Amino acid sequence: MHGSEEKDRPHSTPEAGSRPQLMLRVFGSLAIVGVMVGLMIGRLTNPDPTELQDVQVEPNGLVVWFNNEPKVHGEHVDGAVALLFEASGRAQKGQLKINDKDANWRVRAAQEGLLLNVVAARALHGEWSGREVDGRWRLELQLREE
């Protein structure tokens, strides 16, 4: 009967160096899978950055659209209305009518995000409120003369 012995060697077990090191491959595969799962979980828990999508002029105010809710800080500075959004977007500017009188608005980049300024020849007072509409964030800015 034919045995498992090799002709040149006394034993049938292979030498230690010739067998592939499977544990190294297993640990390497587990590390790669762990990194991929961690990246997927990080992507799911980290929301998309807030971005300015559009600015619409309405009678006595503006409507500002974002992809999700931004943090907003607003002030009345020397008769002008200034809103600071923690968001990104492109610079824009335009005009609107407040009680049939002209006012100018401008969006520009600042260190903390985007700055929206509304100025007119007379002092302005603004009130803003936001809500979610169709998966986007709508911020309404109502302006009036002081």
C-alpha atoms as a PDB file:
ATOM      1  CA  MET A   1       0.000   0.000   0.000  1.00  0.00           C
ATOM      2  CA  HIS A   2       1.156   3.469  -0.890  1.00  0.00           C
ATOM      3  CA  GLY A   3       1.922   5.690   2.154  1.00  0.00           C
ATOM      4  CA  SER A   4       2.100   9.442   2.682  1.00  0.00           C
ATOM      5  CA  GLU A   5       5.799   9.432   3.212  1.00  0.00           C
ATOM      6  CA  GLU A   6       8.014  11.286   0.803  1.00  0.00           C
ATOM      7  CA  LYS A   7      10.879   9.429  -0.692  1.00  0.00           C
ATOM      8  CA  ASP A   8      13.615  11.874   0.327  1.00  0.00           C
ATOM      9  CA  ARG A   9      12.321  12.880   3.783  1.00  0.00           C
ATOM     10  CA  PRO A  10      11.444  10.783   6.790  1.00  0.00           C
ATOM     11  CA  HIS A  11       8.097  12.545   7.570  1.00  0.00           C
ATOM     12  CA  SER A  12       5.079  13.565   5.536  1.00  0.00           C
ATOM     13  CA  THR A  13       4.477  16.993   7.213  1.00  0.00           C
ATOM     14  CA  PRO A  14       5.764  19.967   5.250  1.00  0.00           C
ATOM     15  CA  GLU A  15       8.414  22.261   6.599  1.00  0.00           C
ATOM     16  CA  ALA A  16       7.315  25.225   8.774  1.00  0.00           C
ATOM     17  CA  GLY A  17       8.517  27.907   6.351  1.00  0.00           C
ATOM     18  CA  SER A  18       6.683  26.639   3.300  1.00  0.00           C
ATOM     19  CA  ARG A  19       3.121  26.927   4.716  1.00  0.00           C
ATOM     20  CA  PRO A  20       1.473  30.353   4.097  1.00  0.00           C
ATOM     21  CA  GLN A  21       0.963  32.327   7.241  1.00  0.00           C
ATOM     22  CA  LEU A  22      -2.817  32.413   7.355  1.00  0.00           C
ATOM     23  CA  MET A  23      -3.103  34.330  10.615  1.00  0.00           C
ATOM     24  CA  LEU A  24      -1.372  37.341   9.054  1.00  0.00           C
ATOM     25  CA  ARG A  25      -3.871  37.306   6.191  1.00  0.00           C
ATOM     26  CA  VAL A  26      -6.825  36.916   8.566  1.00  0.00           C
ATOM     27  CA  PHE A  27      -5.745  39.834  10.755  1.00  0.00           C
ATOM     28  CA  GLY A  28      -5.024  41.970   7.692  1.00  0.00           C
ATOM     29  CA  SER A  29      -8.487  41.244   6.285  1.00  0.00           C
ATOM     30  CA  LEU A  30     -10.138  42.023   9.615  1.00  0.00           C
ATOM     31  CA  ALA A  31      -8.281  45.330   9.813  1.00  0.00           C
ATOM     32  CA  ILE A  32      -9.413  46.330   6.311  1.00  0.00           C
ATOM     33  CA  VAL A  33     -13.023  45.370   7.032  1.00  0.00           C
ATOM     34  CA  GLY A  34     -12.903  47.297  10.332  1.00  0.00           C
ATOM     35  CA  VAL A  35     -11.628  50.442   8.623  1.00  0.00           C
ATOM     36  CA  MET A  36     -14.317  50.222   5.922  1.00  0.00           C
ATOM     37  CA  VAL A  37     -17.122  49.750   8.477  1.00  0.00           C
ATOM     38  CA  GLY A  38     -15.760  52.672  10.513  1.00  0.00           C
ATOM     39  CA  LEU A  39     -15.760  54.917   7.440  1.00  0.00           C
ATOM     40  CA  MET A  40     -19.345  53.948   6.605  1.00  0.00           C
ATOM     41  CA  ILE A  41     -20.540  54.657  10.161  1.00  0.00           C
ATOM     42  CA  GLY A  42     -18.675  57.977  10.170  1.00  0.00           C
ATOM     43  CA  ARG A  43     -20.308  58.997   6.907  1.00  0.00           C
ATOM     44  CA  LEU A  44     -23.769  58.156   8.225  1.00  0.00           C
ATOM     45  CA  THR A  45     -23.351  60.049  11.490  1.00  0.00           C
ATOM     46  CA  ASN A  46     -21.670  63.126   9.970  1.00  0.00           C
ATOM     47  CA  PRO A  47     -24.255  65.218   8.071  1.00  0.00           C
ATOM     48  CA  ASP A  48     -23.505  67.008   4.848  1.00  0.00           C
ATOM     49  CA  PRO A  49     -22.039  70.482   5.312  1.00  0.00           C
ATOM     50  CA  THR A  50     -24.614  73.271   5.273  1.00  0.00           C
ATOM     51  CA  GLU A  51     -24.677  75.109   1.967  1.00  0.00           C
ATOM     52  CA  LEU A  52     -26.520  78.206   0.765  1.00  0.00           C
ATOM     53  CA  GLN A  53     -28.638  77.262  -2.237  1.00  0.00           C
ATOM     54  CA  ASP A  54     -30.660  80.344  -3.162  1.00  0.00           C
ATOM     55  CA  VAL A  55     -31.707  83.840  -2.070  1.00  0.00           C
ATOM     56  CA  GLN A  56     -35.145  85.048  -3.168  1.00  0.00           C
ATOM     57  CA  VAL A  57     -36.388  88.621  -2.906  1.00  0.00           C
ATOM     58  CA  GLU A  58     -39.908  89.030  -1.537  1.00  0.00           C
ATOM     59  CA  PRO A  59     -41.901  92.133  -0.606  1.00  0.00           C
ATOM     60  CA  ASN A  60     -40.358  93.589   2.577  1.00  0.00           C
ATOM     61  CA  GLY A  61     -37.923  90.716   3.010  1.00  0.00           C
ATOM     62  CA  LEU A  62     -35.769  87.877   1.779  1.00  0.00           C
ATOM     63  CA  VAL A  63     -36.106  84.098   1.708  1.00  0.00           C
ATOM     64  CA  VAL A  64     -32.812  82.232   2.049  1.00  0.00           C
ATOM     65  CA  TRP A  65     -32.669  78.508   1.170  1.00  0.00           C
ATOM     66  CA  PHE A  66     -30.162  76.015   2.610  1.00  0.00           C
ATOM     67  CA  ASN A  67     -29.725  72.266   2.156  1.00  0.00           C
ATOM     68  CA  ASN A  68     -30.074  71.778   5.955  1.00  0.00           C
ATOM     69  CA  GLU A  69     -30.475  73.941   9.051  1.00  0.00           C
ATOM     70  CA  PRO A  70     -27.593  76.384   9.633  1.00  0.00           C
ATOM     71  CA  LYS A  71     -26.592  77.972  12.904  1.00  0.00           C
ATOM     72  CA  VAL A  72     -27.640  81.632  12.707  1.00  0.00           C
ATOM     73  CA  HIS A  73     -26.437  84.671  14.620  1.00  0.00           C
ATOM     74  CA  GLY A  74     -28.144  87.958  13.859  1.00  0.00           C
ATOM     75  CA  GLU A  75     -27.608  91.560  14.914  1.00  0.00           C
ATOM     76  CA  HIS A  76     -28.845  95.051  14.216  1.00  0.00           C
ATOM     77  CA  VAL A  77     -25.772  97.205  13.611  1.00  0.00           C
ATOM     78  CA  ASP A  78     -26.165 100.956  13.052  1.00  0.00           C
ATOM     79  CA  GLY A  79     -29.521 100.561  11.316  1.00  0.00           C
ATOM     80  CA  ALA A  80     -28.401  97.612   9.186  1.00  0.00           C
ATOM     81  CA  VAL A  81     -29.379  93.970   9.639  1.00  0.00           C
ATOM     82  CA  ALA A  82     -26.557  91.408   9.669  1.00  0.00           C
ATOM     83  CA  LEU A  83     -27.002  87.619   9.790  1.00  0.00           C
ATOM     84  CA  LEU A  84     -24.082  85.226  10.140  1.00  0.00           C
ATOM     85  CA  PHE A  85     -24.683  81.656   8.949  1.00  0.00           C
ATOM     86  CA  GLU A  86     -22.397  78.696   9.645  1.00  0.00           C
ATOM     87  CA  ALA A  87     -22.574  77.615   6.020  1.00  0.00           C
ATOM     88  CA  SER A  88     -20.762  77.815   2.728  1.00  0.00           C
ATOM     89  CA  GLY A  89     -21.888  79.254  -0.576  1.00  0.00           C
ATOM     90  CA  ARG A  90     -21.153  81.803  -3.238  1.00  0.00           C
ATOM     91  CA  ALA A  91     -21.210  85.576  -2.875  1.00  0.00           C
ATOM     92  CA  GLN A  92     -24.374  87.293  -4.099  1.00  0.00           C
ATOM     93  CA  LYS A  93     -25.971  90.716  -3.977  1.00  0.00           C
ATOM     94  CA  GLY A  94     -29.151  92.464  -4.999  1.00  0.00           C
ATOM     95  CA  GLN A  95     -31.853  94.990  -4.189  1.00  0.00           C
ATOM     96  CA  LEU A  96     -35.274  94.777  -2.595  1.00  0.00           C
ATOM     97  CA  LYS A  97     -38.133  97.132  -1.758  1.00  0.00           C
ATOM     98  CA  ILE A  98     -39.148  97.901   1.811  1.00  0.00           C
ATOM     99  CA  ASN A  99     -42.332 100.016   1.859  1.00  0.00           C
ATOM    100  CA  ASP A 100     -41.591 101.052  -1.760  1.00  0.00           C
ATOM    101  CA  LYS A 101     -38.096 102.269  -0.836  1.00  0.00           C
ATOM    102  CA  ASP A 102     -34.862 100.665  -2.005  1.00  0.00           C
ATOM    103  CA  ALA A 103     -32.563  98.566   0.171  1.00  0.00           C
ATOM    104  CA  ASN A 104     -29.471  96.576  -0.772  1.00  0.00           C
ATOM    105  CA  TRP A 105     -28.513  93.096   0.379  1.00  0.00           C
ATOM    106  CA  ARG A 106     -25.241  91.251   0.038  1.00  0.00           C
ATOM    107  CA  VAL A 107     -23.988  87.765   0.938  1.00  0.00           C
ATOM    108  CA  ARG A 108     -20.241  87.345   1.325  1.00  0.00           C
ATOM    109  CA  ALA A 109     -17.836  84.848   2.832  1.00  0.00           C
ATOM    110  CA  ALA A 110     -16.556  85.519   6.353  1.00  0.00           C
ATOM    111  CA  GLN A 111     -14.206  83.597   8.630  1.00  0.00           C
ATOM    112  CA  GLU A 112     -17.075  81.911  10.455  1.00  0.00           C
ATOM    113  CA  GLY A 113     -19.263  81.233   7.387  1.00  0.00           C
ATOM    114  CA  LEU A 114     -21.513  83.473   5.297  1.00  0.00           C
ATOM    115  CA  LEU A 115     -22.510  87.006   6.223  1.00  0.00           C
ATOM    116  CA  LEU A 116     -25.791  88.497   4.938  1.00  0.00           C
ATOM    117  CA  ASN A 117     -26.043  92.291   5.239  1.00  0.00           C
ATOM    118  CA  VAL A 118     -29.117  94.377   4.442  1.00  0.00           C
ATOM    119  CA  VAL A 119     -28.640  98.148   4.360  1.00  0.00           C
ATOM    120  CA  ALA A 120     -30.860 101.076   3.445  1.00  0.00           C
ATOM    121  CA  ALA A 121     -30.861 104.883   3.676  1.00  0.00           C
ATOM    122  CA  ARG A 122     -32.939 104.615   6.852  1.00  0.00           C
ATOM    123  CA  ALA A 123     -32.599 102.345   9.896  1.00  0.00           C
ATOM    124  CA  LEU A 124     -33.927  98.827   9.444  1.00  0.00           C
ATOM    125  CA  HIS A 125     -35.221  96.235  11.862  1.00  0.00           C
ATOM    126  CA  GLY A 126     -35.363  92.578  10.907  1.00  0.00           C
ATOM    127  CA  GLU A 127     -37.002  89.434  12.251  1.00  0.00           C
ATOM    128  CA  TRP A 128     -36.070  85.994  10.993  1.00  0.00           C
ATOM    129  CA  SER A 129     -37.483  82.539  11.374  1.00  0.00           C
ATOM    130  CA  GLY A 130     -36.705  79.213   9.758  1.00  0.00           C
ATOM    131  CA  ARG A 131     -38.454  75.945   9.058  1.00  0.00           C
ATOM    132  CA  GLU A 132     -37.946  72.816   6.999  1.00  0.00           C
ATOM    133  CA  VAL A 133     -39.752  72.662   3.656  1.00  0.00           C
ATOM    134  CA  ASP A 134     -39.424  69.657   1.311  1.00  0.00           C
ATOM    135  CA  GLY A 135     -36.139  68.489   2.829  1.00  0.00           C
ATOM    136  CA  ARG A 136     -34.538  71.957   2.626  1.00  0.00           C
ATOM    137  CA  TRP A 137     -34.261  74.757   5.173  1.00  0.00           C
ATOM    138  CA  ARG A 138     -36.141  77.999   4.479  1.00  0.00           C
ATOM    139  CA  LEU A 139     -35.138  81.080   6.455  1.00  0.00           C
ATOM    140  CA  GLU A 140     -37.460  84.063   6.126  1.00  0.00           C
ATOM    141  CA  LEU A 141     -36.138  87.537   6.896  1.00  0.00           C
ATOM    142  CA  GLN A 142     -38.887  90.150   7.382  1.00  0.00           C
ATOM    143  CA  LEU A 143     -37.652  93.765   7.274  1.00  0.00           C
ATOM    144  CA  ARG A 144     -39.281  97.024   8.316  1.00  0.00           C
ATOM    145  CA  GLU A 145     -38.229 100.619   8.835  1.00  0.00           C
ATOM    146  CA  GLU A 146     -37.579 101.785  12.399  1.00  0.00           C
END
